[in-house]
Amino acid sequence: MVSALFVFGYAAVFIVPVLSCRTKEYKANDGQCCPMCNEGTVVQRDCTAYSGTQCRSCDLGTFMNQPNGLYSCFPCTSCDTGHGLFVKQNCTATTDTVCDVLNGYHCKDLIESNGCSLAEKHSQCAAGQRIKEHGTSRTDTVCDVINGYYCRGLIESNGCSLAEKHSQCAAGQRIKEPGTSRSDTVCEDCQPGFFSKDGVNCTAWTICSESQIKVEEGSSTSDVVCGSASRHRYGFILSVVLFLIIVICLVITGFVKACKYHLTSLHVFSLCICIAPACNTKGKQAASALPRPVPIFLFNFPYHKLIIVFLSYLW
């Protein structure tokens, strides 16, 4: 029984295929473990029962930076100057090319802290922005907003990609909340009885005093206009006096025309006195012997129209 177990264990060790190779060995195509090639070389021929692994050096433009069981070397990285990269360290058989970024660019994909595989141009701060932090080979430019603007596109809580000018409140409104670097101005309409011309603050309408009258009503954009009551009273009196002067002048003109007419037709109006240039001594004597006609002008003149015009002017 013991001998049977010994035979079975021996078969398990030497007949069952090897599941994994030891350190610095690789599994060949036929399943056996072979020694790895050193850095700068790759496998040319796998090992056999009679010989070890045959290795070859990497060709120009390729490299191998680790012990391996590969059959070809890695191609060297190319630093594209058109994308902001330049060669910091040339490629060798054991190391890859090390690229770094040109001035005005920053690295987007860092390799082992000293190389870069992808670069991007530094951001330009747009209108309404200022440079908060200048870009480096490892970080992009950080922009922030200037006074009078607020950020519309926040980047990582400390930068801004898009800024816009604070809104201006219109006439009839006031600033409820001033704009900040992160928020726009908040406006609200003036309440009844208040006005705002510049859209900053709302001011209460002026209250006319007892000696004043309200000439113009207030609105949300303009104040109440007050005027002196005595000035309007004097204006009314002056208008009445002017009206009376015009009426008197028209009456006198009518008398003069009537006197001229009656003197010509030998009918003289008895009220035609010496102040009328057409009256003379002969006319006065003739007037005493003739009936006293009333000037037609006094009846035909449209006084009602004159009164309507005057009332319209006062209104």
Protein backbone atom coordinates (compact mmCIF):
# COMPACT_ATOMS: atom_id res chain seq x y z
CA MET A 1 0.00 0.00 0.00
CA VAL A 2 2.79 2.38 0.91
CA SER A 3 4.67 1.56 -2.25
CA ALA A 4 1.59 2.29 -4.37
CA LEU A 5 1.25 5.77 -2.86
CA PHE A 6 4.93 6.46 -3.49
CA VAL A 7 4.58 5.55 -7.17
CA PHE A 8 1.46 7.74 -7.56
CA GLY A 9 3.19 10.73 -5.97
CA TYR A 10 6.21 10.34 -8.23
CA ALA A 11 3.97 10.28 -11.29
CA ALA A 12 2.14 13.42 -10.15
CA VAL A 13 5.41 15.35 -9.85
CA PHE A 14 7.05 14.32 -13.14
CA ILE A 15 4.12 13.48 -15.45
CA VAL A 16 1.62 16.37 -14.78
CA PRO A 17 2.60 19.45 -16.85
CA VAL A 18 4.13 22.40 -15.02
CA LEU A 19 1.45 25.00 -14.23
CA SER A 20 3.82 28.05 -13.75
CA CYS A 21 7.46 28.92 -14.38
CA ARG A 22 9.96 30.26 -11.84
CA THR A 23 11.16 33.84 -11.59
CA LYS A 24 13.06 35.06 -14.68
CA GLU A 25 11.66 32.18 -16.73
CA TYR A 26 9.01 32.30 -19.43
CA LYS A 27 6.75 29.62 -20.89
CA ALA A 28 7.79 28.74 -24.43
CA ASN A 29 5.43 27.80 -27.25
CA ASP A 30 5.85 24.10 -26.46
CA GLY A 31 4.87 24.72 -22.82
CA GLN A 32 8.28 24.28 -21.22
CA CYS A 33 9.92 26.99 -19.08
CA CYS A 34 12.93 28.78 -20.54
CA PRO A 35 15.29 31.41 -19.11
CA MET A 36 14.31 35.04 -19.99
CA CYS A 37 16.44 37.36 -22.09
CA ASN A 38 18.04 40.40 -20.43
CA GLU A 39 17.15 44.07 -20.99
CA GLY A 40 18.00 45.31 -24.47
CA THR A 41 17.46 41.83 -25.98
CA VAL A 42 14.59 39.55 -26.98
CA VAL A 43 14.17 35.84 -27.70
CA GLN A 44 15.62 34.61 -30.97
CA ARG A 45 15.11 30.88 -30.25
CA ASP A 46 13.45 29.11 -27.34
CA CYS A 47 15.40 26.76 -25.13
CA THR A 48 15.50 23.01 -25.69
CA ALA A 49 16.45 20.03 -23.57
CA TYR A 50 20.01 20.48 -24.81
CA SER A 51 20.42 24.29 -25.06
CA GLY A 52 19.33 27.47 -23.34
CA THR A 53 17.38 30.40 -24.75
CA GLN A 54 19.06 32.26 -27.61
CA CYS A 55 18.60 36.08 -27.45
CA ARG A 56 19.29 38.95 -29.90
CA SER A 57 19.79 42.69 -29.42
CA CYS A 58 17.05 45.23 -30.20
CA ASP A 59 17.26 46.96 -33.58
CA LEU A 60 17.74 50.70 -33.93
CA GLY A 61 14.54 52.55 -33.05
CA THR A 62 13.40 49.82 -30.69
CA PHE A 63 14.11 49.03 -27.03
CA MET A 64 13.49 46.50 -24.25
CA ASN A 65 13.60 47.80 -20.71
CA GLN A 66 12.95 44.58 -18.74
CA PRO A 67 13.85 40.85 -18.62
CA ASN A 68 11.47 39.14 -21.02
CA GLY A 69 10.44 36.19 -23.09
CA LEU A 70 9.22 38.29 -26.00
CA TYR A 71 10.22 37.85 -29.63
CA SER A 72 10.32 41.55 -30.63
CA CYS A 73 11.39 44.84 -29.01
CA PHE A 74 9.13 47.82 -28.32
CA PRO A 75 9.19 50.72 -30.84
CA CYS A 76 10.67 53.96 -29.53
CA THR A 77 8.23 56.78 -28.80
CA SER A 78 8.20 59.73 -31.22
CA CYS A 79 7.99 63.25 -29.74
CA ASP A 80 5.68 65.31 -31.96
CA THR A 81 6.73 68.97 -31.95
CA GLY A 82 3.46 69.85 -33.67
CA HIS A 83 1.65 68.78 -30.50
CA GLY A 84 3.93 70.62 -28.12
CA LEU A 85 6.50 67.86 -27.40
CA PHE A 86 10.28 67.71 -27.80
CA VAL A 87 12.92 64.98 -27.21
CA LYS A 88 14.28 65.27 -23.70
CA GLN A 89 16.20 61.96 -23.77
CA ASN A 90 16.93 59.83 -26.85
CA CYS A 91 15.82 56.22 -27.14
CA THR A 92 18.40 53.46 -26.38
CA ALA A 93 18.28 49.64 -26.48
CA THR A 94 17.19 49.56 -22.85
CA THR A 95 15.21 52.83 -22.45
CA ASP A 96 12.42 54.53 -24.37
CA THR A 97 12.51 58.12 -25.64
CA VAL A 98 11.68 60.69 -22.97
CA CYS A 99 9.52 63.58 -24.22
CA ASP A 100 8.77 66.86 -22.51
CA VAL A 101 6.58 69.87 -23.37
CA LEU A 102 7.53 73.02 -25.25
CA ASN A 103 7.04 76.52 -23.84
CA GLY A 104 3.38 77.50 -23.94
CA TYR A 105 2.20 73.90 -23.45
CA HIS A 106 1.39 71.72 -20.46
CA CYS A 107 1.45 67.93 -20.07
CA LYS A 108 -1.88 66.10 -20.15
CA ASP A 109 -0.45 62.57 -19.74
CA LEU A 110 2.59 62.33 -17.46
CA ILE A 111 4.91 59.29 -17.65
CA GLU A 112 6.91 58.28 -14.57
CA SER A 113 7.02 61.93 -13.39
CA ASN A 114 9.72 62.96 -15.89
CA GLY A 115 8.20 62.36 -19.33
CA CYS A 116 5.08 63.29 -21.20
CA SER A 117 3.16 61.46 -23.90
CA LEU A 118 0.45 64.08 -24.58
CA ALA A 119 0.66 67.89 -24.41
CA GLU A 120 -1.86 70.70 -24.80
CA LYS A 121 -1.46 74.42 -25.37
CA HIS A 122 -1.98 76.75 -22.42
CA SER A 123 -5.48 78.23 -22.25
CA GLN A 124 -5.97 81.88 -23.20
CA CYS A 125 -8.03 83.97 -20.80
CA ALA A 126 -11.02 85.41 -22.68
CA ALA A 127 -12.64 88.86 -22.47
CA GLY A 128 -13.76 89.62 -18.93
CA GLN A 129 -11.07 87.32 -17.47
CA ARG A 130 -7.62 87.73 -15.97
CA ILE A 131 -4.73 85.33 -15.38
CA LYS A 132 -4.97 84.00 -11.84
CA GLU A 133 -2.13 81.43 -12.20
CA HIS A 134 0.30 81.27 -15.12
CA GLY A 135 0.59 77.94 -16.92
CA THR A 136 3.63 75.67 -16.41
CA SER A 137 4.92 72.51 -18.14
CA ARG A 138 2.70 70.49 -15.80
CA THR A 139 -0.35 72.73 -15.24
CA ASP A 140 -2.63 74.83 -17.44
CA THR A 141 -3.28 78.56 -17.07
CA VAL A 142 -5.89 79.36 -14.43
CA CYS A 143 -8.23 82.24 -15.35
CA ASP A 144 -10.58 84.20 -13.14
CA VAL A 145 -13.06 87.02 -13.80
CA ILE A 146 -12.34 90.75 -13.55
CA ASN A 147 -14.53 93.27 -11.74
CA GLY A 148 -17.90 93.76 -13.41
CA TYR A 149 -18.04 90.18 -14.76
CA TYR A 150 -19.13 86.80 -13.40
CA CYS A 151 -18.16 83.22 -14.29
CA ARG A 152 -20.47 81.15 -16.50
CA GLY A 153 -18.13 78.12 -16.77
CA LEU A 154 -16.48 77.15 -13.47
CA ILE A 155 -13.44 74.83 -13.55
CA GLU A 156 -12.52 72.85 -10.42
CA SER A 157 -13.92 75.60 -8.14
CA ASN A 158 -10.95 77.95 -8.69
CA GLY A 159 -10.85 78.67 -12.41
CA CYS A 160 -13.20 80.01 -15.05
CA SER A 161 -13.52 79.11 -18.74
CA LEU A 162 -16.28 81.59 -19.68
CA ALA A 163 -17.09 85.02 -18.22
CA GLU A 164 -20.00 87.38 -18.86
CA LYS A 165 -20.62 91.01 -17.90
CA HIS A 166 -22.97 91.75 -15.01
CA SER A 167 -26.51 92.68 -16.10
CA GLN A 168 -27.53 96.36 -15.85
CA CYS A 169 -30.89 97.00 -14.19
CA ALA A 170 -33.23 99.05 -16.37
CA ALA A 171 -34.97 102.32 -15.47
CA GLY A 172 -37.83 101.55 -13.11
CA GLN A 173 -35.82 98.83 -11.36
CA ARG A 174 -33.29 98.63 -8.53
CA ILE A 175 -30.38 96.33 -7.69
CA LYS A 176 -31.68 93.68 -5.29
CA GLU A 177 -28.43 91.69 -5.13
CA PRO A 178 -25.15 93.05 -6.57
CA GLY A 179 -23.27 90.77 -8.96
CA THR A 180 -20.22 88.82 -7.75
CA SER A 181 -17.47 86.88 -9.50
CA ARG A 182 -19.72 83.80 -9.42
CA SER A 183 -23.24 85.24 -9.85
CA ASP A 184 -25.04 87.85 -11.96
CA THR A 185 -26.82 90.99 -10.73
CA VAL A 186 -30.39 90.43 -9.48
CA CYS A 187 -32.88 93.23 -10.32
CA GLU A 188 -36.42 93.96 -9.11
CA ASP A 189 -39.10 96.51 -10.08
CA CYS A 190 -39.69 99.64 -8.00
CA GLN A 191 -42.77 99.54 -5.77
CA PRO A 192 -45.73 101.89 -6.44
CA GLY A 193 -44.87 105.42 -5.30
CA PHE A 194 -41.18 105.01 -6.11
CA PHE A 195 -39.10 105.65 -9.23
CA SER A 196 -35.63 104.89 -10.60
CA LYS A 197 -33.95 106.66 -13.52
CA ASP A 198 -30.60 104.85 -13.50
CA GLY A 199 -31.65 101.34 -12.41
CA VAL A 200 -29.65 101.46 -9.18
CA ASN A 201 -31.95 102.58 -6.35
CA CYS A 202 -35.67 103.35 -6.06
CA THR A 203 -36.57 106.81 -4.67
CA ALA A 204 -39.92 107.87 -3.23
CA TRP A 205 -42.01 110.34 -5.21
CA THR A 206 -41.84 114.01 -4.16
CA ILE A 207 -44.83 115.23 -2.11
CA CYS A 208 -45.93 118.71 -3.23
CA SER A 209 -46.27 121.29 -0.44
CA GLU A 210 -49.42 123.29 0.36
CA SER A 211 -48.16 126.24 -1.71
CA GLN A 212 -47.58 124.00 -4.73
CA ILE A 213 -49.72 122.09 -7.18
CA LYS A 214 -48.97 118.79 -8.95
CA VAL A 215 -48.05 119.59 -12.56
CA GLU A 216 -47.13 116.05 -13.66
CA GLU A 217 -47.83 112.63 -12.14
CA GLY A 218 -44.95 110.37 -11.14
CA SER A 219 -44.15 106.99 -12.73
CA SER A 220 -41.71 104.13 -12.15
CA THR A 221 -39.07 106.05 -14.15
CA SER A 222 -39.82 109.71 -13.27
CA ASP A 223 -40.64 111.81 -10.21
CA VAL A 224 -43.72 113.92 -9.50
CA VAL A 225 -43.37 117.46 -10.91
CA CYS A 226 -44.60 120.26 -8.60
CA GLY A 227 -45.25 123.88 -9.59
CA SER A 228 -45.91 127.13 -7.72
CA ALA A 229 -49.63 127.84 -7.25
CA SER A 230 -49.10 131.66 -7.21
CA ARG A 231 -47.30 131.51 -10.53
CA HIS A 232 -50.30 129.81 -12.12
CA ARG A 233 -52.67 132.37 -10.54
CA TYR A 234 -50.62 135.25 -11.96
CA GLY A 235 -50.59 133.55 -15.34
CA PHE A 236 -54.37 133.32 -15.30
CA ILE A 237 -54.79 137.01 -14.43
CA LEU A 238 -52.32 137.99 -17.14
CA SER A 239 -54.27 135.92 -19.68
CA VAL A 240 -57.54 137.67 -18.73
CA VAL A 241 -55.94 141.11 -19.03
CA LEU A 242 -54.49 140.22 -22.41
CA PHE A 243 -57.89 139.01 -23.59
CA LEU A 244 -59.57 142.24 -22.53
CA ILE A 245 -56.95 144.33 -24.32
CA ILE A 246 -57.51 142.35 -27.52
CA VAL A 247 -61.31 142.83 -27.27
CA ILE A 248 -60.94 146.59 -26.70
CA CYS A 249 -58.61 146.92 -29.67
CA LEU A 250 -61.07 145.02 -31.88
CA VAL A 251 -63.98 147.23 -30.73
CA ILE A 252 -62.01 150.41 -31.43
CA THR A 253 -61.05 149.10 -34.84
CA GLY A 254 -64.72 148.41 -35.55
CA PHE A 255 -65.71 151.92 -34.55
CA VAL A 256 -63.07 153.42 -36.80
CA LYS A 257 -64.21 151.38 -39.79
CA ALA A 258 -67.87 152.24 -39.10
CA CYS A 259 -67.08 155.96 -38.92
CA LYS A 260 -65.31 155.87 -42.23
CA TYR A 261 -68.21 154.05 -43.82
CA HIS A 262 -70.91 156.45 -42.57
CA LEU A 263 -68.94 159.56 -43.47
CA THR A 264 -68.70 158.32 -47.01
CA SER A 265 -72.44 157.60 -47.24
CA LEU A 266 -73.36 160.76 -45.27
CA HIS A 267 -74.51 158.57 -42.33
CA VAL A 268 -72.32 159.38 -39.40
CA PHE A 269 -72.42 157.42 -36.20
CA SER A 270 -72.97 159.74 -33.28
CA LEU A 271 -70.51 157.88 -31.06
CA CYS A 272 -67.69 158.58 -33.51
CA ILE A 273 -65.74 161.08 -31.44
CA CYS A 274 -62.55 162.98 -32.06
CA ILE A 275 -60.27 160.05 -31.34
CA ALA A 276 -61.33 158.54 -34.70
CA PRO A 277 -59.16 160.02 -37.48
CA ALA A 278 -62.05 159.85 -39.97
CA CYS A 279 -64.23 162.23 -37.89
CA ASN A 280 -63.99 165.95 -38.68
CA THR A 281 -66.07 169.04 -38.02
CA LYS A 282 -68.19 168.50 -41.07
CA GLY A 283 -68.88 164.98 -40.06
CA LYS A 284 -69.94 166.05 -36.56
CA GLN A 285 -72.39 168.61 -37.93
CA ALA A 286 -73.87 166.08 -40.29
CA ALA A 287 -74.24 163.58 -37.52
CA SER A 288 -76.50 165.88 -35.47
CA ALA A 289 -79.07 165.98 -38.25
CA LEU A 290 -79.07 162.28 -39.14
CA PRO A 291 -80.30 159.20 -37.30
CA ARG A 292 -77.77 157.31 -35.24
CA PRO A 293 -77.01 153.98 -36.89
CA VAL A 294 -75.29 151.22 -34.95
CA PRO A 295 -72.03 149.93 -36.53
CA ILE A 296 -72.64 146.68 -38.30
CA PHE A 297 -69.26 145.45 -36.99
CA LEU A 298 -70.60 145.24 -33.43
CA PHE A 299 -73.24 142.71 -34.55
CA ASN A 300 -71.33 140.76 -37.15
CA PHE A 301 -68.04 140.16 -35.26
CA PRO A 302 -67.82 136.52 -34.02
CA TYR A 303 -67.36 137.17 -30.31
CA HIS A 304 -68.41 133.63 -29.41
CA LYS A 305 -65.51 132.22 -31.40
CA LEU A 306 -63.08 134.54 -29.66
CA ILE A 307 -64.37 133.45 -26.27
CA ILE A 308 -63.99 129.75 -27.23
CA VAL A 309 -60.39 130.33 -28.33
CA PHE A 310 -59.63 132.13 -25.08
CA LEU A 311 -61.15 129.36 -22.93
CA SER A 312 -59.19 126.77 -24.89
CA TYR A 313 -55.99 128.70 -24.21
CA LEU A 314 -56.73 128.81 -20.47
CA TRP A 315 -57.53 125.10 -20.40
